[in-house]
Amino acid sequence: MATLTATATLTGSGLTSSTLSITKNPAVTVLGDVQIRRITLGTTTTKVLDAADWNDSGAMLWLFNTEATGGKDIFIGLDTDGTPQAGLDSTHMVIKPGEWAFFPWAAEVSLWADVSADTCQLEYGIFERAAS
């Protein structure tokens, strides 16, 4: 087993009544199945991760829109019935060009993605959790 530590720091001024300074660095024990991949998305909804392929402990996911500023948004949806939804009518997340997301995934639903026009690359990392 390995340990994955993610460090996120949020800082800013003028956003709240005091200067914003938050740092979190949770550590997750990784079971051993780690994948880092890059896929090309188009306007047809694509199943990126199938819940059936992962254990009940879930995983930590990292998603990154490789597009430069002015590029295309990536629409992320979660679906339980195993079929893509036209145009991801249940979008749960939009990742703009150059943006990323890191979050826990229960692996109870599949992760789908598409873009509104042309093609775009999504880079993702999946770090399977050890059973607790």
C-alpha atoms as a PDB file:
ATOM      1  CA  MET A   1       0.000   0.000   0.000  1.00  0.00           C
ATOM      2  CA  ALA A   2       1.023   3.591  -0.562  1.00  0.00           C
ATOM      3  CA  THR A   3      -0.016   6.962   0.794  1.00  0.00           C
ATOM      4  CA  LEU A   4      -1.315   9.814  -1.343  1.00  0.00           C
ATOM      5  CA  THR A   5      -1.239  13.289   0.218  1.00  0.00           C
ATOM      6  CA  ALA A   6      -3.010  16.159  -1.500  1.00  0.00           C
ATOM      7  CA  THR A   7      -2.175  19.688  -0.413  1.00  0.00           C
ATOM      8  CA  ALA A   8      -4.580  22.493  -1.258  1.00  0.00           C
ATOM      9  CA  THR A   9      -3.995  26.088  -0.243  1.00  0.00           C
ATOM     10  CA  LEU A  10      -6.586  28.819  -0.704  1.00  0.00           C
ATOM     11  CA  THR A  11      -5.460  32.389  -0.110  1.00  0.00           C
ATOM     12  CA  GLY A  12      -7.013  35.715  -0.951  1.00  0.00           C
ATOM     13  CA  SER A  13      -7.800  39.179   0.253  1.00  0.00           C
ATOM     14  CA  GLY A  14     -10.915  41.279  -0.132  1.00  0.00           C
ATOM     15  CA  LEU A  15     -13.072  38.154  -0.283  1.00  0.00           C
ATOM     16  CA  THR A  16     -14.077  37.980   3.357  1.00  0.00           C
ATOM     17  CA  SER A  17     -13.894  40.250   6.401  1.00  0.00           C
ATOM     18  CA  SER A  18     -10.405  38.883   7.115  1.00  0.00           C
ATOM     19  CA  THR A  19      -7.619  37.578   4.897  1.00  0.00           C
ATOM     20  CA  LEU A  20      -8.422  34.119   3.596  1.00  0.00           C
ATOM     21  CA  SER A  21      -5.793  31.479   4.331  1.00  0.00           C
ATOM     22  CA  ILE A  22      -6.792  27.811   4.324  1.00  0.00           C
ATOM     23  CA  THR A  23      -4.415  24.893   3.901  1.00  0.00           C
ATOM     24  CA  LYS A  24      -5.523  21.273   3.993  1.00  0.00           C
ATOM     25  CA  ASN A  25      -3.413  18.207   3.312  1.00  0.00           C
ATOM     26  CA  PRO A  26      -5.400  15.012   3.807  1.00  0.00           C
ATOM     27  CA  ALA A  27      -3.608  11.693   3.395  1.00  0.00           C
ATOM     28  CA  VAL A  28      -5.305   8.688   1.824  1.00  0.00           C
ATOM     29  CA  THR A  29      -4.061   5.111   1.954  1.00  0.00           C
ATOM     30  CA  VAL A  30      -4.011   3.822  -1.629  1.00  0.00           C
ATOM     31  CA  LEU A  31      -4.786   0.149  -2.225  1.00  0.00           C
ATOM     32  CA  GLY A  32      -2.392  -0.049  -5.119  1.00  0.00           C
ATOM     33  CA  ASP A  33      -4.479   0.456  -8.258  1.00  0.00           C
ATOM     34  CA  VAL A  34      -3.402   3.823  -9.665  1.00  0.00           C
ATOM     35  CA  GLN A  35      -4.105   5.089 -13.173  1.00  0.00           C
ATOM     36  CA  ILE A  36      -3.062   8.329 -14.835  1.00  0.00           C
ATOM     37  CA  ARG A  37      -4.569   8.748 -18.285  1.00  0.00           C
ATOM     38  CA  ARG A  38      -5.465  11.287 -20.932  1.00  0.00           C
ATOM     39  CA  ILE A  39      -8.506  10.820 -23.162  1.00  0.00           C
ATOM     40  CA  THR A  40      -9.979  12.849 -25.989  1.00  0.00           C
ATOM     41  CA  LEU A  41     -13.593  13.845 -25.460  1.00  0.00           C
ATOM     42  CA  GLY A  42     -16.052  14.935 -28.113  1.00  0.00           C
ATOM     43  CA  THR A  43     -19.697  15.906 -28.178  1.00  0.00           C
ATOM     44  CA  THR A  44     -20.740  12.268 -27.690  1.00  0.00           C
ATOM     45  CA  THR A  45     -20.943  11.493 -23.985  1.00  0.00           C
ATOM     46  CA  THR A  46     -18.119   9.126 -22.958  1.00  0.00           C
ATOM     47  CA  LYS A  47     -17.972   6.830 -19.938  1.00  0.00           C
ATOM     48  CA  VAL A  48     -14.643   7.767 -18.351  1.00  0.00           C
ATOM     49  CA  LEU A  49     -14.882   5.507 -15.287  1.00  0.00           C
ATOM     50  CA  ASP A  50     -17.220   2.570 -14.799  1.00  0.00           C
ATOM     51  CA  ALA A  51     -18.278   2.048 -11.186  1.00  0.00           C
ATOM     52  CA  ALA A  52     -18.380  -1.717 -11.767  1.00  0.00           C
ATOM     53  CA  ASP A  53     -14.590  -1.731 -12.257  1.00  0.00           C
ATOM     54  CA  TRP A  54     -13.744  -0.420  -8.760  1.00  0.00           C
ATOM     55  CA  ASN A  55     -13.990  -1.723  -5.207  1.00  0.00           C
ATOM     56  CA  ASP A  56     -16.514  -0.656  -2.588  1.00  0.00           C
ATOM     57  CA  SER A  57     -13.936   1.599  -0.917  1.00  0.00           C
ATOM     58  CA  GLY A  58     -13.980   3.973  -3.880  1.00  0.00           C
ATOM     59  CA  ALA A  59     -11.126   6.197  -4.946  1.00  0.00           C
ATOM     60  CA  MET A  60      -9.736   9.690  -5.036  1.00  0.00           C
ATOM     61  CA  LEU A  61     -10.070  11.288  -8.478  1.00  0.00           C
ATOM     62  CA  TRP A  62      -8.053  14.038 -10.092  1.00  0.00           C
ATOM     63  CA  LEU A  63      -9.507  15.595 -13.267  1.00  0.00           C
ATOM     64  CA  PHE A  64      -7.731  18.219 -15.399  1.00  0.00           C
ATOM     65  CA  ASN A  65      -8.945  20.108 -18.462  1.00  0.00           C
ATOM     66  CA  THR A  66      -5.810  20.408 -20.630  1.00  0.00           C
ATOM     67  CA  GLU A  67      -7.287  23.183 -22.800  1.00  0.00           C
ATOM     68  CA  ALA A  68      -5.600  26.593 -22.798  1.00  0.00           C
ATOM     69  CA  THR A  69      -7.492  29.763 -21.847  1.00  0.00           C
ATOM     70  CA  GLY A  70     -10.334  30.312 -24.282  1.00  0.00           C
ATOM     71  CA  GLY A  71     -10.720  26.562 -24.884  1.00  0.00           C
ATOM     72  CA  LYS A  72     -13.674  24.300 -24.253  1.00  0.00           C
ATOM     73  CA  ASP A  73     -15.407  23.414 -20.987  1.00  0.00           C
ATOM     74  CA  ILE A  74     -15.629  19.761 -19.946  1.00  0.00           C
ATOM     75  CA  PHE A  75     -18.973  18.663 -18.546  1.00  0.00           C
ATOM     76  CA  ILE A  76     -18.900  15.874 -15.946  1.00  0.00           C
ATOM     77  CA  GLY A  77     -21.918  13.794 -14.965  1.00  0.00           C
ATOM     78  CA  LEU A  78     -22.512  10.876 -12.609  1.00  0.00           C
ATOM     79  CA  ASP A  79     -24.979   8.192 -13.636  1.00  0.00           C
ATOM     80  CA  THR A  80     -26.292   5.074 -11.912  1.00  0.00           C
ATOM     81  CA  ASP A  81     -28.239   3.350 -14.696  1.00  0.00           C
ATOM     82  CA  GLY A  82     -25.278   2.587 -16.954  1.00  0.00           C
ATOM     83  CA  THR A  83     -26.404   4.647 -19.937  1.00  0.00           C
ATOM     84  CA  PRO A  84     -25.146   8.049 -21.038  1.00  0.00           C
ATOM     85  CA  GLN A  85     -27.517  10.949 -20.803  1.00  0.00           C
ATOM     86  CA  ALA A  86     -27.923  13.012 -23.960  1.00  0.00           C
ATOM     87  CA  GLY A  87     -25.740  16.077 -23.634  1.00  0.00           C
ATOM     88  CA  LEU A  88     -25.208  15.232 -19.955  1.00  0.00           C
ATOM     89  CA  ASP A  89     -28.518  16.791 -18.978  1.00  0.00           C
ATOM     90  CA  SER A  90     -27.495  16.032 -15.391  1.00  0.00           C
ATOM     91  CA  THR A  91     -24.177  17.871 -15.327  1.00  0.00           C
ATOM     92  CA  HIS A  92     -22.650  17.715 -11.869  1.00  0.00           C
ATOM     93  CA  MET A  93     -19.424  19.579 -12.573  1.00  0.00           C
ATOM     94  CA  VAL A  94     -17.995  21.886 -15.238  1.00  0.00           C
ATOM     95  CA  ILE A  95     -14.214  22.004 -15.545  1.00  0.00           C
ATOM     96  CA  LYS A  96     -13.110  25.073 -17.442  1.00  0.00           C
ATOM     97  CA  PRO A  97      -9.863  25.270 -19.456  1.00  0.00           C
ATOM     98  CA  GLY A  98      -6.824  24.892 -17.186  1.00  0.00           C
ATOM     99  CA  GLU A  99      -8.985  23.989 -14.175  1.00  0.00           C
ATOM    100  CA  TRP A 100      -8.786  20.786 -12.184  1.00  0.00           C
ATOM    101  CA  ALA A 101     -10.741  18.938  -9.526  1.00  0.00           C
ATOM    102  CA  PHE A 102      -9.637  16.492  -6.831  1.00  0.00           C
ATOM    103  CA  PHE A 103     -12.380  14.708  -4.918  1.00  0.00           C
ATOM    104  CA  PRO A 104     -13.437  11.443  -3.285  1.00  0.00           C
ATOM    105  CA  TRP A 105     -15.478   9.119  -5.506  1.00  0.00           C
ATOM    106  CA  ALA A 106     -17.627   6.438  -3.881  1.00  0.00           C
ATOM    107  CA  ALA A 107     -17.487   4.306  -7.068  1.00  0.00           C
ATOM    108  CA  GLU A 108     -21.225   3.710  -6.780  1.00  0.00           C
ATOM    109  CA  VAL A 109     -21.951   5.615  -9.985  1.00  0.00           C
ATOM    110  CA  SER A 110     -20.072   5.842 -13.278  1.00  0.00           C
ATOM    111  CA  LEU A 111     -18.377   9.064 -14.353  1.00  0.00           C
ATOM    112  CA  TRP A 112     -19.284  10.434 -17.811  1.00  0.00           C
ATOM    113  CA  ALA A 113     -17.909  13.443 -19.686  1.00  0.00           C
ATOM    114  CA  ASP A 114     -18.374  15.451 -22.867  1.00  0.00           C
ATOM    115  CA  VAL A 115     -17.721  18.874 -24.392  1.00  0.00           C
ATOM    116  CA  SER A 116     -20.166  21.197 -26.152  1.00  0.00           C
ATOM    117  CA  ALA A 117     -18.229  21.419 -29.446  1.00  0.00           C
ATOM    118  CA  ASP A 118     -15.263  19.840 -31.244  1.00  0.00           C
ATOM    119  CA  THR A 119     -12.870  17.848 -29.049  1.00  0.00           C
ATOM    120  CA  CYS A 120     -10.920  18.386 -25.859  1.00  0.00           C
ATOM    121  CA  GLN A 121      -8.542  16.353 -23.716  1.00  0.00           C
ATOM    122  CA  LEU A 122      -9.292  15.307 -20.164  1.00  0.00           C
ATOM    123  CA  GLU A 123      -6.403  14.117 -18.041  1.00  0.00           C
ATOM    124  CA  TYR A 124      -7.376  12.073 -15.009  1.00  0.00           C
ATOM    125  CA  GLY A 125      -5.851  10.174 -12.160  1.00  0.00           C
ATOM    126  CA  ILE A 126      -7.616   7.564 -10.082  1.00  0.00           C
ATOM    127  CA  PHE A 127      -6.201   6.379  -6.776  1.00  0.00           C
ATOM    128  CA  GLU A 128      -8.103   3.410  -5.380  1.00  0.00           C
ATOM    129  CA  ARG A 129      -8.618   3.610  -1.613  1.00  0.00           C
ATOM    130  CA  ALA A 130      -7.722   0.829   0.757  1.00  0.00           C
ATOM    131  CA  ALA A 131     -10.700  -0.680   2.582  1.00  0.00           C
ATOM    132  CA  SER A 132     -11.185   0.956   5.955  1.00  0.00           C
END
